[in-house]
Amino acid sequence: MDSSKKETPEGIPSCSVKISQKKKVYLFFKRFQDIFFSALALLILSPLILVVAIIIPLDSPGAGPFFPQRRIGKNGKEFKMYKFRSMYPDAEKRLAELKGKNEMDGPAFKIEHDPRITRFGKVLRKYNIDELPQLINIIKGEMSIVGPRPALPNEVKKYTDYEKQRLCVTPGLSCYWQIEPNRNKIKFSDWMKMDIQYIEDQSFLVDWKIIFKSIIGCLKGSGV
């Protein structure tokens, strides 16, 4: 990928990519598409969002229904990503004691039966309902419907120069590896390759293939 790098205030390399006129048109309409369909989804799904927001505190008292988390976006810019809370309020504190059970290679953390996930949280994750608040991030321009998933700051600090290339585009709600049937068994190195491959491949056709497969995955309950 033809890019030059500079340092952000956080010390995270950002990319200045040469963009063709064709790519500029694609990015313009992709942004329009993101705003339109995210606003439409929020409107249509508002009853579901309201019900979920009521159930979460009832199922797990002690914190609100939403979980804002610091993530890294395009060019290493930090933003607050929104999710429905699917874990107990003390989940962040309990992470240290679970580090040794990590089933992912690389800097990412995930275990199949995470004891921090609530009963209702398992349902939210199964159907990817916990990600719905990110439609707000998309409207704000911090995320896109399709793009590499936004990483945690501590993960990005461990990235190699190759892996930092994924910071050259706006992060997304879904991506290549998200629509894989066994996505949680994908090696970190393959995950990074798929994200960087998307940057090379991105087009309306690719985006809509990912969107349709993501919708089918949600309906099937293939999330975790």
C-alpha atoms as a PDB file:
ATOM      1  CA  MET A   1       0.000   0.000   0.000  1.00  0.00           C
ATOM      2  CA  ASP A   2       1.440   3.364  -1.039  1.00  0.00           C
ATOM      3  CA  SER A   3       1.613   5.381   2.184  1.00  0.00           C
ATOM      4  CA  SER A   4       3.875   7.637   4.190  1.00  0.00           C
ATOM      5  CA  LYS A   5       3.841   7.714   7.972  1.00  0.00           C
ATOM      6  CA  LYS A   6       3.838  10.428  10.594  1.00  0.00           C
ATOM      7  CA  GLU A   7       3.485  10.336  14.352  1.00  0.00           C
ATOM      8  CA  THR A   8       0.282  11.286  16.150  1.00  0.00           C
ATOM      9  CA  PRO A   9       0.409  12.971  19.602  1.00  0.00           C
ATOM     10  CA  GLU A  10      -0.128   9.495  21.107  1.00  0.00           C
ATOM     11  CA  GLY A  11       2.930   8.192  19.271  1.00  0.00           C
ATOM     12  CA  ILE A  12       0.868   5.956  16.992  1.00  0.00           C
ATOM     13  CA  PRO A  13       1.882   6.090  13.310  1.00  0.00           C
ATOM     14  CA  SER A  14      -0.853   7.349  11.011  1.00  0.00           C
ATOM     15  CA  CYS A  15      -1.086   6.928   7.251  1.00  0.00           C
ATOM     16  CA  SER A  16      -1.309   9.509   4.549  1.00  0.00           C
ATOM     17  CA  VAL A  17      -2.525   7.469   1.589  1.00  0.00           C
ATOM     18  CA  LYS A  18      -2.610   8.605  -2.033  1.00  0.00           C
ATOM     19  CA  ILE A  19      -6.285   8.496  -2.999  1.00  0.00           C
ATOM     20  CA  SER A  20      -7.413   8.249  -6.622  1.00  0.00           C
ATOM     21  CA  GLN A  21     -10.434  10.155  -7.900  1.00  0.00           C
ATOM     22  CA  LYS A  22     -12.333   6.877  -8.129  1.00  0.00           C
ATOM     23  CA  LYS A  23     -11.543   6.101  -4.488  1.00  0.00           C
ATOM     24  CA  LYS A  24     -12.627   9.628  -3.448  1.00  0.00           C
ATOM     25  CA  VAL A  25     -16.025   9.030  -5.043  1.00  0.00           C
ATOM     26  CA  TYR A  26     -16.277   5.662  -3.287  1.00  0.00           C
ATOM     27  CA  LEU A  27     -15.388   7.181   0.111  1.00  0.00           C
ATOM     28  CA  PHE A  28     -17.891  10.053  -0.366  1.00  0.00           C
ATOM     29  CA  PHE A  29     -20.786   7.721  -1.098  1.00  0.00           C
ATOM     30  CA  LYS A  30     -19.649   5.243   1.549  1.00  0.00           C
ATOM     31  CA  ARG A  31     -19.945   8.027   4.137  1.00  0.00           C
ATOM     32  CA  PHE A  32     -23.398   8.961   2.835  1.00  0.00           C
ATOM     33  CA  GLN A  33     -24.394   5.294   2.958  1.00  0.00           C
ATOM     34  CA  ASP A  34     -23.088   4.954   6.529  1.00  0.00           C
ATOM     35  CA  ILE A  35     -25.155   7.901   7.766  1.00  0.00           C
ATOM     36  CA  PHE A  36     -28.347   6.930   5.921  1.00  0.00           C
ATOM     37  CA  PHE A  37     -28.445   3.243   6.825  1.00  0.00           C
ATOM     38  CA  SER A  38     -27.257   3.754  10.417  1.00  0.00           C
ATOM     39  CA  ALA A  39     -29.954   6.368  11.052  1.00  0.00           C
ATOM     40  CA  LEU A  40     -32.541   4.083   9.414  1.00  0.00           C
ATOM     41  CA  ALA A  41     -31.417   1.107  11.520  1.00  0.00           C
ATOM     42  CA  LEU A  42     -31.603   3.161  14.721  1.00  0.00           C
ATOM     43  CA  LEU A  43     -35.144   4.217  13.832  1.00  0.00           C
ATOM     44  CA  ILE A  44     -36.346   0.706  12.956  1.00  0.00           C
ATOM     45  CA  LEU A  45     -34.580  -0.965  15.885  1.00  0.00           C
ATOM     46  CA  SER A  46     -35.442   1.689  18.486  1.00  0.00           C
ATOM     47  CA  PRO A  47     -38.085  -0.542  20.225  1.00  0.00           C
ATOM     48  CA  LEU A  48     -35.514  -3.347  20.548  1.00  0.00           C
ATOM     49  CA  ILE A  49     -32.862  -0.922  21.777  1.00  0.00           C
ATOM     50  CA  LEU A  50     -35.255   0.419  24.423  1.00  0.00           C
ATOM     51  CA  VAL A  51     -36.188  -3.074  25.656  1.00  0.00           C
ATOM     52  CA  VAL A  52     -32.533  -4.134  25.854  1.00  0.00           C
ATOM     53  CA  ALA A  53     -31.626  -0.950  27.742  1.00  0.00           C
ATOM     54  CA  ILE A  54     -34.309  -1.782  30.338  1.00  0.00           C
ATOM     55  CA  ILE A  55     -33.429  -5.473  30.732  1.00  0.00           C
ATOM     56  CA  ILE A  56     -29.654  -5.073  31.225  1.00  0.00           C
ATOM     57  CA  PRO A  57     -29.841  -3.271  34.633  1.00  0.00           C
ATOM     58  CA  LEU A  58     -32.519  -5.712  35.788  1.00  0.00           C
ATOM     59  CA  ASP A  59     -30.374  -8.716  34.875  1.00  0.00           C
ATOM     60  CA  SER A  60     -27.176  -7.237  36.295  1.00  0.00           C
ATOM     61  CA  PRO A  61     -27.688  -4.327  38.718  1.00  0.00           C
ATOM     62  CA  GLY A  62     -24.847  -1.970  39.514  1.00  0.00           C
ATOM     63  CA  ALA A  63     -24.198  -0.163  36.234  1.00  0.00           C
ATOM     64  CA  GLY A  64     -26.029   1.382  33.321  1.00  0.00           C
ATOM     65  CA  PRO A  65     -27.024  -0.438  30.134  1.00  0.00           C
ATOM     66  CA  PHE A  66     -24.301   1.149  28.001  1.00  0.00           C
ATOM     67  CA  PHE A  67     -20.577   0.476  28.115  1.00  0.00           C
ATOM     68  CA  PRO A  68     -18.356   3.168  26.595  1.00  0.00           C
ATOM     69  CA  GLN A  69     -14.812   1.986  25.881  1.00  0.00           C
ATOM     70  CA  ARG A  70     -11.699   3.731  24.592  1.00  0.00           C
ATOM     71  CA  ARG A  71     -10.732   2.485  21.128  1.00  0.00           C
ATOM     72  CA  ILE A  72      -8.287   3.505  18.424  1.00  0.00           C
ATOM     73  CA  GLY A  73      -9.662   4.715  15.101  1.00  0.00           C
ATOM     74  CA  LYS A  74      -8.323   6.029  11.820  1.00  0.00           C
ATOM     75  CA  ASN A  75      -4.802   7.469  11.956  1.00  0.00           C
ATOM     76  CA  GLY A  76      -4.457   6.386  15.578  1.00  0.00           C
ATOM     77  CA  LYS A  77      -7.136   8.780  16.820  1.00  0.00           C
ATOM     78  CA  GLU A  78      -8.728   7.663  20.075  1.00  0.00           C
ATOM     79  CA  PHE A  79     -12.509   7.707  20.469  1.00  0.00           C
ATOM     80  CA  LYS A  80     -15.174   6.370  22.800  1.00  0.00           C
ATOM     81  CA  MET A  81     -16.917   3.325  21.321  1.00  0.00           C
ATOM     82  CA  TYR A  82     -20.388   2.442  22.597  1.00  0.00           C
ATOM     83  CA  LYS A  83     -21.722  -1.036  23.353  1.00  0.00           C
ATOM     84  CA  PHE A  84     -24.557  -2.529  25.341  1.00  0.00           C
ATOM     85  CA  ARG A  85     -23.094  -3.812  28.591  1.00  0.00           C
ATOM     86  CA  SER A  86     -22.800  -7.601  28.342  1.00  0.00           C
ATOM     87  CA  MET A  87     -20.434  -8.124  31.297  1.00  0.00           C
ATOM     88  CA  TYR A  88     -20.662  -7.629  35.038  1.00  0.00           C
ATOM     89  CA  PRO A  89     -19.703  -4.149  36.321  1.00  0.00           C
ATOM     90  CA  ASP A  90     -16.351  -5.412  37.689  1.00  0.00           C
ATOM     91  CA  ALA A  91     -15.289  -7.034  34.389  1.00  0.00           C
ATOM     92  CA  GLU A  92     -12.345  -4.687  33.787  1.00  0.00           C
ATOM     93  CA  LYS A  93     -10.930  -5.356  37.265  1.00  0.00           C
ATOM     94  CA  ARG A  94     -11.241  -9.132  36.812  1.00  0.00           C
ATOM     95  CA  LEU A  95      -9.362  -9.106  33.510  1.00  0.00           C
ATOM     96  CA  ALA A  96      -5.934  -9.387  35.169  1.00  0.00           C
ATOM     97  CA  GLU A  97      -6.803 -12.699  36.854  1.00  0.00           C
ATOM     98  CA  LEU A  98      -7.950 -14.166  33.516  1.00  0.00           C
ATOM     99  CA  LYS A  99      -4.947 -13.131  31.408  1.00  0.00           C
ATOM    100  CA  GLY A 100      -3.357 -16.562  31.769  1.00  0.00           C
ATOM    101  CA  LYS A 101      -6.431 -18.209  30.202  1.00  0.00           C
ATOM    102  CA  ASN A 102      -6.324 -16.149  27.006  1.00  0.00           C
ATOM    103  CA  GLU A 103      -7.202 -18.321  23.992  1.00  0.00           C
ATOM    104  CA  MET A 104      -6.104 -15.762  21.388  1.00  0.00           C
ATOM    105  CA  ASP A 105      -2.550 -15.290  20.188  1.00  0.00           C
ATOM    106  CA  GLY A 106      -1.126 -11.791  19.779  1.00  0.00           C
ATOM    107  CA  PRO A 107      -2.227  -8.803  21.911  1.00  0.00           C
ATOM    108  CA  ALA A 108      -5.984  -9.505  21.715  1.00  0.00           C
ATOM    109  CA  PHE A 109      -7.811 -11.197  24.626  1.00  0.00           C
ATOM    110  CA  LYS A 110     -10.711 -13.658  24.384  1.00  0.00           C
ATOM    111  CA  ILE A 111     -11.777 -16.862  26.093  1.00  0.00           C
ATOM    112  CA  GLU A 112     -14.684 -19.031  25.001  1.00  0.00           C
ATOM    113  CA  HIS A 113     -16.476 -19.204  28.353  1.00  0.00           C
ATOM    114  CA  ASP A 114     -15.710 -15.820  29.860  1.00  0.00           C
ATOM    115  CA  PRO A 115     -17.109 -15.812  33.432  1.00  0.00           C
ATOM    116  CA  ARG A 116     -17.495 -12.038  33.290  1.00  0.00           C
ATOM    117  CA  ILE A 117     -20.344 -12.235  30.764  1.00  0.00           C
ATOM    118  CA  THR A 118     -23.845 -11.961  32.237  1.00  0.00           C
ATOM    119  CA  ARG A 119     -26.758 -14.275  31.414  1.00  0.00           C
ATOM    120  CA  PHE A 120     -28.435 -11.679  29.219  1.00  0.00           C
ATOM    121  CA  GLY A 121     -25.028 -10.644  27.899  1.00  0.00           C
ATOM    122  CA  LYS A 122     -24.627 -14.091  26.333  1.00  0.00           C
ATOM    123  CA  VAL A 123     -27.846 -13.529  24.376  1.00  0.00           C
ATOM    124  CA  LEU A 124     -26.721 -10.052  23.306  1.00  0.00           C
ATOM    125  CA  ARG A 125     -23.393 -11.383  22.062  1.00  0.00           C
ATOM    126  CA  LYS A 126     -24.900 -14.427  20.338  1.00  0.00           C
ATOM    127  CA  TYR A 127     -26.952 -12.171  18.070  1.00  0.00           C
ATOM    128  CA  ASN A 128     -24.459  -9.271  18.087  1.00  0.00           C
ATOM    129  CA  ILE A 129     -27.098  -7.012  19.667  1.00  0.00           C
ATOM    130  CA  ASP A 130     -24.454  -5.618  22.025  1.00  0.00           C
ATOM    131  CA  GLU A 131     -22.877  -3.833  19.031  1.00  0.00           C
ATOM    132  CA  LEU A 132     -25.995  -1.837  18.080  1.00  0.00           C
ATOM    133  CA  PRO A 133     -24.979   1.367  19.948  1.00  0.00           C
ATOM    134  CA  GLN A 134     -22.029   1.621  17.546  1.00  0.00           C
ATOM    135  CA  LEU A 135     -24.507   2.917  14.978  1.00  0.00           C
ATOM    136  CA  ILE A 136     -24.084   6.194  16.883  1.00  0.00           C
ATOM    137  CA  ASN A 137     -20.303   6.006  16.372  1.00  0.00           C
ATOM    138  CA  ILE A 138     -20.947   5.507  12.660  1.00  0.00           C
ATOM    139  CA  ILE A 139     -23.188   8.567  12.399  1.00  0.00           C
ATOM    140  CA  LYS A 140     -20.545  10.592  14.255  1.00  0.00           C
ATOM    141  CA  GLY A 141     -17.944   9.527  11.681  1.00  0.00           C
ATOM    142  CA  GLU A 142     -15.777   7.598  14.151  1.00  0.00           C
ATOM    143  CA  MET A 143     -16.686   4.280  12.559  1.00  0.00           C
ATOM    144  CA  SER A 144     -18.088   2.895   9.318  1.00  0.00           C
ATOM    145  CA  ILE A 145     -20.495   0.026   8.686  1.00  0.00           C
ATOM    146  CA  VAL A 146     -17.625  -1.941   7.127  1.00  0.00           C
ATOM    147  CA  GLY A 147     -13.972  -1.721   8.129  1.00  0.00           C
ATOM    148  CA  PRO A 148     -11.402  -3.280  10.482  1.00  0.00           C
ATOM    149  CA  ARG A 149     -12.735  -3.585  14.014  1.00  0.00           C
ATOM    150  CA  PRO A 150     -11.435  -0.780  16.280  1.00  0.00           C
ATOM    151  CA  ALA A 151      -8.671  -2.004  18.577  1.00  0.00           C
ATOM    152  CA  LEU A 152      -7.978  -1.266  22.223  1.00  0.00           C
ATOM    153  CA  PRO A 153      -5.138   1.208  22.954  1.00  0.00           C
ATOM    154  CA  ASN A 154      -3.037  -1.434  24.758  1.00  0.00           C
ATOM    155  CA  GLU A 155      -3.356  -3.743  21.730  1.00  0.00           C
ATOM    156  CA  VAL A 156      -2.225  -1.060  19.277  1.00  0.00           C
ATOM    157  CA  LYS A 157       0.872  -0.362  21.374  1.00  0.00           C
ATOM    158  CA  LYS A 158       2.005  -3.926  20.580  1.00  0.00           C
ATOM    159  CA  TYR A 159       1.372  -3.675  16.836  1.00  0.00           C
ATOM    160  CA  THR A 160       4.197  -4.089  14.355  1.00  0.00           C
ATOM    161  CA  ASP A 161       4.556  -1.580  11.497  1.00  0.00           C
ATOM    162  CA  TYR A 162       2.747  -4.066   9.258  1.00  0.00           C
ATOM    163  CA  GLU A 163      -0.213  -4.348  11.635  1.00  0.00           C
ATOM    164  CA  LYS A 164      -0.439  -0.561  12.028  1.00  0.00           C
ATOM    165  CA  GLN A 165      -1.521  -0.354   8.385  1.00  0.00           C
ATOM    166  CA  ARG A 166      -5.048  -1.246   9.505  1.00  0.00           C
ATOM    167  CA  LEU A 167      -5.188   2.195  11.135  1.00  0.00           C
ATOM    168  CA  CYS A 168      -5.156   3.795   7.667  1.00  0.00           C
ATOM    169  CA  VAL A 169      -8.939   3.498   7.293  1.00  0.00           C
ATOM    170  CA  THR A 170     -12.006   4.181   9.412  1.00  0.00           C
ATOM    171  CA  PRO A 171     -12.753   1.178  11.655  1.00  0.00           C
ATOM    172  CA  GLY A 172     -16.014  -0.663  11.114  1.00  0.00           C
ATOM    173  CA  LEU A 173     -18.883  -2.588  12.613  1.00  0.00           C
ATOM    174  CA  SER A 174     -18.032  -5.645  10.504  1.00  0.00           C
ATOM    175  CA  CYS A 175     -15.149  -6.862   8.356  1.00  0.00           C
ATOM    176  CA  TYR A 176     -13.709  -9.898   6.575  1.00  0.00           C
ATOM    177  CA  TRP A 177     -12.853 -11.934   9.674  1.00  0.00           C
ATOM    178  CA  GLN A 178     -16.113 -11.021  11.437  1.00  0.00           C
ATOM    179  CA  ILE A 179     -18.118 -12.966   8.852  1.00  0.00           C
ATOM    180  CA  GLU A 180     -15.958 -16.091   9.096  1.00  0.00           C
ATOM    181  CA  PRO A 181     -17.852 -19.068  10.651  1.00  0.00           C
ATOM    182  CA  ASN A 182     -15.041 -19.797  13.138  1.00  0.00           C
ATOM    183  CA  ARG A 183     -13.861 -16.239  13.641  1.00  0.00           C
ATOM    184  CA  ASN A 184     -12.682 -16.750  17.225  1.00  0.00           C
ATOM    185  CA  LYS A 185     -10.300 -19.482  16.111  1.00  0.00           C
ATOM    186  CA  ILE A 186      -8.591 -17.265  13.537  1.00  0.00           C
ATOM    187  CA  LYS A 187      -4.948 -16.568  14.365  1.00  0.00           C
ATOM    188  CA  PHE A 188      -4.085 -12.962  15.165  1.00  0.00           C
ATOM    189  CA  SER A 189      -1.667 -12.796  12.213  1.00  0.00           C
ATOM    190  CA  ASP A 190      -4.400 -14.020   9.812  1.00  0.00           C
ATOM    191  CA  TRP A 191      -6.862 -11.548  11.341  1.00  0.00           C
ATOM    192  CA  MET A 192      -4.430  -8.701  10.594  1.00  0.00           C
ATOM    193  CA  LYS A 193      -3.847  -9.959   7.037  1.00  0.00           C
ATOM    194  CA  MET A 194      -7.584 -10.015   6.395  1.00  0.00           C
ATOM    195  CA  ASP A 195      -7.994  -6.456   7.673  1.00  0.00           C
ATOM    196  CA  ILE A 196      -5.172  -5.179   5.487  1.00  0.00           C
ATOM    197  CA  GLN A 197      -6.552  -7.166   2.552  1.00  0.00           C
ATOM    198  CA  TYR A 198      -9.866  -5.333   3.005  1.00  0.00           C
ATOM    199  CA  ILE A 199      -8.047  -1.999   2.706  1.00  0.00           C
ATOM    200  CA  GLU A 200      -6.736  -3.158  -0.674  1.00  0.00           C
ATOM    201  CA  ASP A 201     -10.084  -4.635  -1.808  1.00  0.00           C
ATOM    202  CA  GLN A 202     -12.574  -2.078  -0.493  1.00  0.00           C
ATOM    203  CA  SER A 203     -15.406  -1.262  -2.902  1.00  0.00           C
ATOM    204  CA  PHE A 204     -19.201  -1.099  -2.759  1.00  0.00           C
ATOM    205  CA  LEU A 205     -19.417  -4.718  -3.941  1.00  0.00           C
ATOM    206  CA  VAL A 206     -17.064  -5.932  -1.212  1.00  0.00           C
ATOM    207  CA  ASP A 207     -18.824  -3.822   1.434  1.00  0.00           C
ATOM    208  CA  TRP A 208     -22.272  -5.137   0.572  1.00  0.00           C
ATOM    209  CA  LYS A 209     -21.082  -8.743   0.510  1.00  0.00           C
ATOM    210  CA  ILE A 210     -19.799  -8.239   4.059  1.00  0.00           C
ATOM    211  CA  ILE A 211     -23.006  -6.454   5.128  1.00  0.00           C
ATOM    212  CA  PHE A 212     -25.282  -9.245   3.835  1.00  0.00           C
ATOM    213  CA  LYS A 213     -23.147 -11.980   5.384  1.00  0.00           C
ATOM    214  CA  SER A 214     -23.098 -10.036   8.672  1.00  0.00           C
ATOM    215  CA  ILE A 215     -26.899  -9.792   8.722  1.00  0.00           C
ATOM    216  CA  ILE A 216     -27.229 -13.522   8.024  1.00  0.00           C
ATOM    217  CA  GLY A 217     -24.716 -14.260  10.801  1.00  0.00           C
ATOM    218  CA  CYS A 218     -26.701 -12.135  13.281  1.00  0.00           C
ATOM    219  CA  LEU A 219     -29.974 -13.869  12.395  1.00  0.00           C
ATOM    220  CA  LYS A 220     -28.336 -17.264  12.806  1.00  0.00           C
ATOM    221  CA  GLY A 221     -26.900 -16.278  16.164  1.00  0.00           C
ATOM    222  CA  SER A 222     -23.308 -17.009  15.192  1.00  0.00           C
ATOM    223  CA  GLY A 223     -21.807 -14.327  17.406  1.00  0.00           C
ATOM    224  CA  VAL A 224     -20.217 -14.851  20.831  1.00  0.00           C
END
